Amino acid sequence: MDKIGDYIWDLYKSDEIIRKKEYEKDTELKYYCPVIDTSVAAFLKIFIKALKPQNILELGTSIGYSTTIMANAVKENGGRVTTVELDKRAAKAAMKNFKKYNIEKYVYLINDNVVNVLPTLEKGFDMIFLDLFNGLYIDVLDSCINLLKPGGVLLADDTLFPAIKNEEIFSESNKKLHAFNEKLSTHKDMDSFLLPIDDGITIAVKK
């Protein structure tokens, strides 16, 4: 995989996308929920430019790396990202990063538990990006599908964990994540596929 990654990034070395290491290095908070890999960020950037969504929901902000990538892409269409983060320190760090990268007017951050937030949101999201603690994916799936408009897209990060992360610490969350993967892959209202990008990213379109 290193050879593949080296080959790909050599092709795109002039790409101006913010790299994960650069974003984390400039963030004051040192302990937070892991953010997406740069390869996933590059995928999100291209995907959003192609899809041209107006209204994106993100569950799991952390320090705002994925939010910043999506906001930079969606601002070309005049859209915005609503993002939900429970950790107050991470949310504060994310807000600082949004200001630093000049995308704060394209982001609405809600510092609360997704369980409290999801019932309050209006339906009709063009895209939802799921990057919470993996064990919670199955708990929010129905709400995410309900909030998507027909033709809307659900993206879920880290969905290959059950296949590639065998450590004991992931055993319980992997069971729940596998249940999520199975339910989404057979859901009557969704067409989906799991792509082997980084730790896995699933794309699902609402029928």
C-alpha atoms as a PDB file:
ATOM      1  CA  MET A   1       0.000   0.000   0.000  1.00  0.00           C
ATOM      2  CA  ASP A   2       2.902   2.381   0.633  1.00  0.00           C
ATOM      3  CA  LYS A   3       4.010   2.053  -2.991  1.00  0.00           C
ATOM      4  CA  ILE A   4       0.474   2.711  -4.166  1.00  0.00           C
ATOM      5  CA  GLY A   5       0.154   5.731  -1.893  1.00  0.00           C
ATOM      6  CA  ASP A   6       3.526   7.107  -2.951  1.00  0.00           C
ATOM      7  CA  TYR A   7       2.601   6.720  -6.610  1.00  0.00           C
ATOM      8  CA  ILE A   8      -0.753   8.455  -6.179  1.00  0.00           C
ATOM      9  CA  TRP A   9       0.576  11.383  -4.164  1.00  0.00           C
ATOM     10  CA  ASP A  10       3.473  11.834  -6.561  1.00  0.00           C
ATOM     11  CA  LEU A  11       0.869  12.440  -9.267  1.00  0.00           C
ATOM     12  CA  TYR A  12      -0.965  14.989  -7.120  1.00  0.00           C
ATOM     13  CA  LYS A  13       1.963  16.613  -5.302  1.00  0.00           C
ATOM     14  CA  SER A  14       0.904  20.029  -6.660  1.00  0.00           C
ATOM     15  CA  ASP A  15      -2.642  19.642  -5.289  1.00  0.00           C
ATOM     16  CA  GLU A  16      -3.386  22.506  -2.905  1.00  0.00           C
ATOM     17  CA  ILE A  17      -5.486  20.416  -0.544  1.00  0.00           C
ATOM     18  CA  ILE A  18      -4.702  20.913   3.146  1.00  0.00           C
ATOM     19  CA  ARG A  19      -2.730  17.917   4.365  1.00  0.00           C
ATOM     20  CA  LYS A  20      -3.743  16.163   7.596  1.00  0.00           C
ATOM     21  CA  LYS A  21      -0.296  16.595   9.187  1.00  0.00           C
ATOM     22  CA  GLU A  22      -0.276  20.319   8.427  1.00  0.00           C
ATOM     23  CA  TYR A  23      -3.767  20.810   9.891  1.00  0.00           C
ATOM     24  CA  GLU A  24      -2.988  18.849  13.059  1.00  0.00           C
ATOM     25  CA  LYS A  25       0.381  20.528  13.566  1.00  0.00           C
ATOM     26  CA  ASP A  26      -1.242  23.945  13.687  1.00  0.00           C
ATOM     27  CA  THR A  27      -3.993  22.897  16.116  1.00  0.00           C
ATOM     28  CA  GLU A  28      -3.367  23.769  19.777  1.00  0.00           C
ATOM     29  CA  LEU A  29      -5.429  20.859  21.172  1.00  0.00           C
ATOM     30  CA  LYS A  30      -3.332  17.697  21.255  1.00  0.00           C
ATOM     31  CA  TYR A  31      -5.827  15.040  22.388  1.00  0.00           C
ATOM     32  CA  TYR A  32      -8.955  14.620  20.268  1.00  0.00           C
ATOM     33  CA  CYS A  33     -10.910  12.102  18.217  1.00  0.00           C
ATOM     34  CA  PRO A  34      -8.816  11.059  15.172  1.00  0.00           C
ATOM     35  CA  VAL A  35      -9.517  12.914  11.935  1.00  0.00           C
ATOM     36  CA  ILE A  36      -9.768  11.571   8.395  1.00  0.00           C
ATOM     37  CA  ASP A  37      -6.691  10.729   6.353  1.00  0.00           C
ATOM     38  CA  THR A  38      -5.531  13.098   3.605  1.00  0.00           C
ATOM     39  CA  SER A  39      -6.588  10.507   1.007  1.00  0.00           C
ATOM     40  CA  VAL A  40     -10.162  10.646   2.309  1.00  0.00           C
ATOM     41  CA  ALA A  41      -9.969  14.446   2.346  1.00  0.00           C
ATOM     42  CA  ALA A  42      -8.946  14.433  -1.321  1.00  0.00           C
ATOM     43  CA  PHE A  43     -11.836  12.098  -2.108  1.00  0.00           C
ATOM     44  CA  LEU A  44     -14.311  14.352  -0.268  1.00  0.00           C
ATOM     45  CA  LYS A  45     -13.058  17.402  -2.127  1.00  0.00           C
ATOM     46  CA  ILE A  46     -13.540  15.843  -5.563  1.00  0.00           C
ATOM     47  CA  PHE A  47     -16.817  14.180  -4.593  1.00  0.00           C
ATOM     48  CA  ILE A  48     -18.350  17.452  -3.378  1.00  0.00           C
ATOM     49  CA  LYS A  49     -17.188  19.350  -6.455  1.00  0.00           C
ATOM     50  CA  ALA A  50     -18.932  16.734  -8.595  1.00  0.00           C
ATOM     51  CA  LEU A  51     -22.095  16.406  -6.478  1.00  0.00           C
ATOM     52  CA  LYS A  52     -22.442  20.154  -5.808  1.00  0.00           C
ATOM     53  CA  PRO A  53     -24.475  19.759  -2.593  1.00  0.00           C
ATOM     54  CA  GLN A  54     -25.974  22.827  -0.935  1.00  0.00           C
ATOM     55  CA  ASN A  55     -26.686  21.416   2.486  1.00  0.00           C
ATOM     56  CA  ILE A  56     -24.216  19.014   4.162  1.00  0.00           C
ATOM     57  CA  LEU A  57     -24.547  17.451   7.600  1.00  0.00           C
ATOM     58  CA  GLU A  58     -21.462  16.107   9.365  1.00  0.00           C
ATOM     59  CA  LEU A  59     -21.687  13.982  12.492  1.00  0.00           C
ATOM     60  CA  GLY A  60     -18.355  14.116  14.322  1.00  0.00           C
ATOM     61  CA  THR A  61     -16.374  17.336  13.899  1.00  0.00           C
ATOM     62  CA  SER A  62     -13.337  16.670  16.091  1.00  0.00           C
ATOM     63  CA  ILE A  63     -10.906  19.561  15.386  1.00  0.00           C
ATOM     64  CA  GLY A  64     -12.607  20.348  12.093  1.00  0.00           C
ATOM     65  CA  TYR A  65     -10.292  18.904   9.434  1.00  0.00           C
ATOM     66  CA  SER A  66     -12.975  17.147   7.387  1.00  0.00           C
ATOM     67  CA  THR A  67     -15.316  20.098   7.972  1.00  0.00           C
ATOM     68  CA  THR A  68     -12.724  22.498   6.581  1.00  0.00           C
ATOM     69  CA  ILE A  69     -12.144  20.320   3.520  1.00  0.00           C
ATOM     70  CA  MET A  70     -15.886  20.068   2.830  1.00  0.00           C
ATOM     71  CA  ALA A  71     -16.561  23.756   3.483  1.00  0.00           C
ATOM     72  CA  ASN A  72     -13.789  24.793   1.100  1.00  0.00           C
ATOM     73  CA  ALA A  73     -15.374  22.625  -1.593  1.00  0.00           C
ATOM     74  CA  VAL A  74     -19.019  23.502  -0.959  1.00  0.00           C
ATOM     75  CA  LYS A  75     -18.484  27.267  -0.739  1.00  0.00           C
ATOM     76  CA  GLU A  76     -18.101  27.354  -4.523  1.00  0.00           C
ATOM     77  CA  ASN A  77     -21.800  26.446  -4.728  1.00  0.00           C
ATOM     78  CA  GLY A  78     -22.869  28.798  -1.954  1.00  0.00           C
ATOM     79  CA  GLY A  79     -23.602  25.825   0.300  1.00  0.00           C
ATOM     80  CA  ARG A  80     -22.714  25.170   3.918  1.00  0.00           C
ATOM     81  CA  VAL A  81     -21.833  22.428   6.372  1.00  0.00           C
ATOM     82  CA  THR A  82     -23.759  21.802   9.589  1.00  0.00           C
ATOM     83  CA  THR A  83     -21.470  19.831  11.888  1.00  0.00           C
ATOM     84  CA  VAL A  84     -22.116  18.249  15.283  1.00  0.00           C
ATOM     85  CA  GLU A  85     -19.468  17.663  17.968  1.00  0.00           C
ATOM     86  CA  LEU A  86     -19.966  16.598  21.594  1.00  0.00           C
ATOM     87  CA  ASP A  87     -16.470  17.395  22.953  1.00  0.00           C
ATOM     88  CA  LYS A  88     -16.379  21.063  24.010  1.00  0.00           C
ATOM     89  CA  ARG A  89     -12.597  21.349  23.732  1.00  0.00           C
ATOM     90  CA  ALA A  90     -12.578  19.848  20.254  1.00  0.00           C
ATOM     91  CA  ALA A  91     -15.438  22.119  19.170  1.00  0.00           C
ATOM     92  CA  LYS A  92     -13.536  25.165  20.438  1.00  0.00           C
ATOM     93  CA  ALA A  93     -10.383  24.084  18.592  1.00  0.00           C
ATOM     94  CA  ALA A  94     -12.435  23.483  15.441  1.00  0.00           C
ATOM     95  CA  MET A  95     -13.888  27.001  15.572  1.00  0.00           C
ATOM     96  CA  LYS A  96     -10.380  28.440  15.774  1.00  0.00           C
ATOM     97  CA  ASN A  97      -9.405  26.404  12.744  1.00  0.00           C
ATOM     98  CA  PHE A  98     -12.464  27.538  10.789  1.00  0.00           C
ATOM     99  CA  LYS A  99     -11.464  31.163  11.373  1.00  0.00           C
ATOM    100  CA  LYS A 100      -7.860  30.450  10.470  1.00  0.00           C
ATOM    101  CA  TYR A 101      -8.865  28.906   7.146  1.00  0.00           C
ATOM    102  CA  ASN A 102     -11.533  31.565   6.485  1.00  0.00           C
ATOM    103  CA  ILE A 103     -14.450  29.176   6.155  1.00  0.00           C
ATOM    104  CA  GLU A 104     -16.398  29.969   9.346  1.00  0.00           C
ATOM    105  CA  LYS A 105     -19.290  31.573   7.433  1.00  0.00           C
ATOM    106  CA  TYR A 106     -19.830  28.314   5.566  1.00  0.00           C
ATOM    107  CA  VAL A 107     -20.014  26.242   8.759  1.00  0.00           C
ATOM    108  CA  TYR A 108     -22.633  25.933  11.490  1.00  0.00           C
ATOM    109  CA  LEU A 109     -21.202  24.011  14.445  1.00  0.00           C
ATOM    110  CA  ILE A 110     -23.502  22.460  17.053  1.00  0.00           C
ATOM    111  CA  ASN A 111     -21.752  21.503  20.303  1.00  0.00           C
ATOM    112  CA  ASP A 112     -24.071  18.786  21.603  1.00  0.00           C
ATOM    113  CA  ASN A 113     -24.790  15.058  21.547  1.00  0.00           C
ATOM    114  CA  VAL A 114     -26.026  13.786  18.169  1.00  0.00           C
ATOM    115  CA  VAL A 115     -28.846  11.954  19.968  1.00  0.00           C
ATOM    116  CA  ASN A 116     -30.185  15.356  21.068  1.00  0.00           C
ATOM    117  CA  VAL A 117     -29.489  17.119  17.784  1.00  0.00           C
ATOM    118  CA  LEU A 118     -30.778  14.727  15.114  1.00  0.00           C
ATOM    119  CA  PRO A 119     -34.493  14.993  16.075  1.00  0.00           C
ATOM    120  CA  THR A 120     -34.284  18.814  15.823  1.00  0.00           C
ATOM    121  CA  LEU A 121     -32.928  18.971  12.268  1.00  0.00           C
ATOM    122  CA  GLU A 122     -35.082  19.581   9.217  1.00  0.00           C
ATOM    123  CA  LYS A 123     -35.154  16.968   6.473  1.00  0.00           C
ATOM    124  CA  GLY A 124     -33.632  17.582   3.067  1.00  0.00           C
ATOM    125  CA  PHE A 125     -29.854  17.256   3.401  1.00  0.00           C
ATOM    126  CA  ASP A 126     -28.042  16.690   0.114  1.00  0.00           C
ATOM    127  CA  MET A 127     -25.202  14.856   1.835  1.00  0.00           C
ATOM    128  CA  ILE A 128     -24.373  13.445   5.267  1.00  0.00           C
ATOM    129  CA  PHE A 129     -20.833  12.592   6.343  1.00  0.00           C
ATOM    130  CA  LEU A 130     -20.696  10.118   9.217  1.00  0.00           C
ATOM    131  CA  ASP A 131     -17.452  10.163  11.230  1.00  0.00           C
ATOM    132  CA  LEU A 132     -18.511   9.507  14.824  1.00  0.00           C
ATOM    133  CA  PHE A 133     -17.273   6.839  17.193  1.00  0.00           C
ATOM    134  CA  ASN A 134     -17.788   3.748  15.036  1.00  0.00           C
ATOM    135  CA  GLY A 135     -19.959   2.008  17.609  1.00  0.00           C
ATOM    136  CA  LEU A 136     -22.623   4.708  17.186  1.00  0.00           C
ATOM    137  CA  TYR A 137     -23.085   4.371  13.427  1.00  0.00           C
ATOM    138  CA  ILE A 138     -25.843   1.785  13.725  1.00  0.00           C
ATOM    139  CA  ASP A 139     -27.688   3.959  16.255  1.00  0.00           C
ATOM    140  CA  VAL A 140     -27.913   6.985  13.942  1.00  0.00           C
ATOM    141  CA  LEU A 141     -28.406   5.238  10.588  1.00  0.00           C
ATOM    142  CA  ASP A 142     -32.201   5.459  10.473  1.00  0.00           C
ATOM    143  CA  SER A 143     -32.131   9.144  11.428  1.00  0.00           C
ATOM    144  CA  CYS A 144     -29.525   9.874   8.750  1.00  0.00           C
ATOM    145  CA  ILE A 145     -31.577   8.166   6.054  1.00  0.00           C
ATOM    146  CA  ASN A 146     -34.671  10.029   7.208  1.00  0.00           C
ATOM    147  CA  LEU A 147     -32.853  13.384   7.003  1.00  0.00           C
ATOM    148  CA  LEU A 148     -31.542  12.812   3.476  1.00  0.00           C
ATOM    149  CA  LYS A 149     -33.555  14.011   0.520  1.00  0.00           C
ATOM    150  CA  PRO A 150     -34.247  11.493  -2.294  1.00  0.00           C
ATOM    151  CA  GLY A 151     -31.015  11.235  -4.265  1.00  0.00           C
ATOM    152  CA  GLY A 152     -29.061  12.441  -1.241  1.00  0.00           C
ATOM    153  CA  VAL A 153     -25.786  10.757  -0.332  1.00  0.00           C
ATOM    154  CA  LEU A 154     -24.601   9.219   2.934  1.00  0.00           C
ATOM    155  CA  LEU A 155     -20.829   8.825   3.343  1.00  0.00           C
ATOM    156  CA  ALA A 156     -19.498   6.808   6.282  1.00  0.00           C
ATOM    157  CA  ASP A 157     -15.803   6.748   7.205  1.00  0.00           C
ATOM    158  CA  ASP A 158     -13.786   3.859   8.737  1.00  0.00           C
ATOM    159  CA  THR A 159     -16.237   1.194   7.589  1.00  0.00           C
ATOM    160  CA  LEU A 160     -13.474  -1.374   6.962  1.00  0.00           C
ATOM    161  CA  PHE A 161     -12.557  -1.497  10.651  1.00  0.00           C
ATOM    162  CA  PRO A 162     -14.226  -4.917  11.188  1.00  0.00           C
ATOM    163  CA  ALA A 163     -11.937  -6.381   8.500  1.00  0.00           C
ATOM    164  CA  ILE A 164      -8.637  -4.637   9.287  1.00  0.00           C
ATOM    165  CA  LYS A 165      -8.662  -3.704  12.988  1.00  0.00           C
ATOM    166  CA  ASN A 166      -8.506  -6.878  15.066  1.00  0.00           C
ATOM    167  CA  GLU A 167      -7.304  -5.409  18.365  1.00  0.00           C
ATOM    168  CA  GLU A 168      -9.398  -6.209  21.436  1.00  0.00           C
ATOM    169  CA  ILE A 169     -10.108  -2.520  22.004  1.00  0.00           C
ATOM    170  CA  PHE A 170     -12.188  -2.480  18.822  1.00  0.00           C
ATOM    171  CA  SER A 171     -14.081  -5.743  19.381  1.00  0.00           C
ATOM    172  CA  GLU A 172     -17.383  -4.294  20.637  1.00  0.00           C
ATOM    173  CA  SER A 173     -17.446  -1.281  18.324  1.00  0.00           C
ATOM    174  CA  ASN A 174     -16.556  -3.519  15.372  1.00  0.00           C
ATOM    175  CA  LYS A 175     -19.580  -5.721  16.084  1.00  0.00           C
ATOM    176  CA  LYS A 176     -21.820  -2.664  15.927  1.00  0.00           C
ATOM    177  CA  LEU A 177     -20.033  -1.306  12.872  1.00  0.00           C
ATOM    178  CA  HIS A 178     -20.448  -4.636  11.101  1.00  0.00           C
ATOM    179  CA  ALA A 179     -24.158  -4.503  11.936  1.00  0.00           C
ATOM    180  CA  PHE A 180     -24.241  -1.017  10.381  1.00  0.00           C
ATOM    181  CA  ASN A 181     -22.443  -2.254   7.260  1.00  0.00           C
ATOM    182  CA  GLU A 182     -24.845  -5.178   6.880  1.00  0.00           C
ATOM    183  CA  LYS A 183     -27.960  -3.086   7.438  1.00  0.00           C
ATOM    184  CA  LEU A 184     -26.879  -0.365   5.021  1.00  0.00           C
ATOM    185  CA  SER A 185     -25.758  -2.831   2.339  1.00  0.00           C
ATOM    186  CA  THR A 186     -29.206  -4.454   2.278  1.00  0.00           C
ATOM    187  CA  HIS A 187     -31.387  -1.423   3.048  1.00  0.00           C
ATOM    188  CA  LYS A 188     -34.393  -1.182   0.746  1.00  0.00           C
ATOM    189  CA  ASP A 189     -34.142   2.610   0.522  1.00  0.00           C
ATOM    190  CA  MET A 190     -30.394   2.852  -0.170  1.00  0.00           C
ATOM    191  CA  ASP A 191     -27.953   1.826  -2.900  1.00  0.00           C
ATOM    192  CA  SER A 192     -24.467   1.535  -1.414  1.00  0.00           C
ATOM    193  CA  PHE A 193     -20.908   0.347  -1.853  1.00  0.00           C
ATOM    194  CA  LEU A 194     -17.891   0.197   0.457  1.00  0.00           C
ATOM    195  CA  LEU A 195     -14.701   1.570  -1.104  1.00  0.00           C
ATOM    196  CA  PRO A 196     -11.255   0.467   0.209  1.00  0.00           C
ATOM    197  CA  ILE A 197      -9.929   4.000   0.630  1.00  0.00           C
ATOM    198  CA  ASP A 198      -7.760   4.307   3.775  1.00  0.00           C
ATOM    199  CA  ASP A 199      -9.824   2.544   6.514  1.00  0.00           C
ATOM    200  CA  GLY A 200     -12.850   2.258   4.257  1.00  0.00           C
ATOM    201  CA  ILE A 201     -15.479   4.743   3.140  1.00  0.00           C
ATOM    202  CA  THR A 202     -19.025   3.736   2.248  1.00  0.00           C
ATOM    203  CA  ILE A 203     -21.114   5.635  -0.295  1.00  0.00           C
ATOM    204  CA  ALA A 204     -24.885   5.233  -0.143  1.00  0.00           C
ATOM    205  CA  VAL A 205     -27.520   6.985  -2.234  1.00  0.00           C
ATOM    206  CA  LYS A 206     -31.111   7.355  -1.079  1.00  0.00           C
ATOM    207  CA  LYS A 207     -33.597   5.987  -3.604  1.00  0.00           C
END
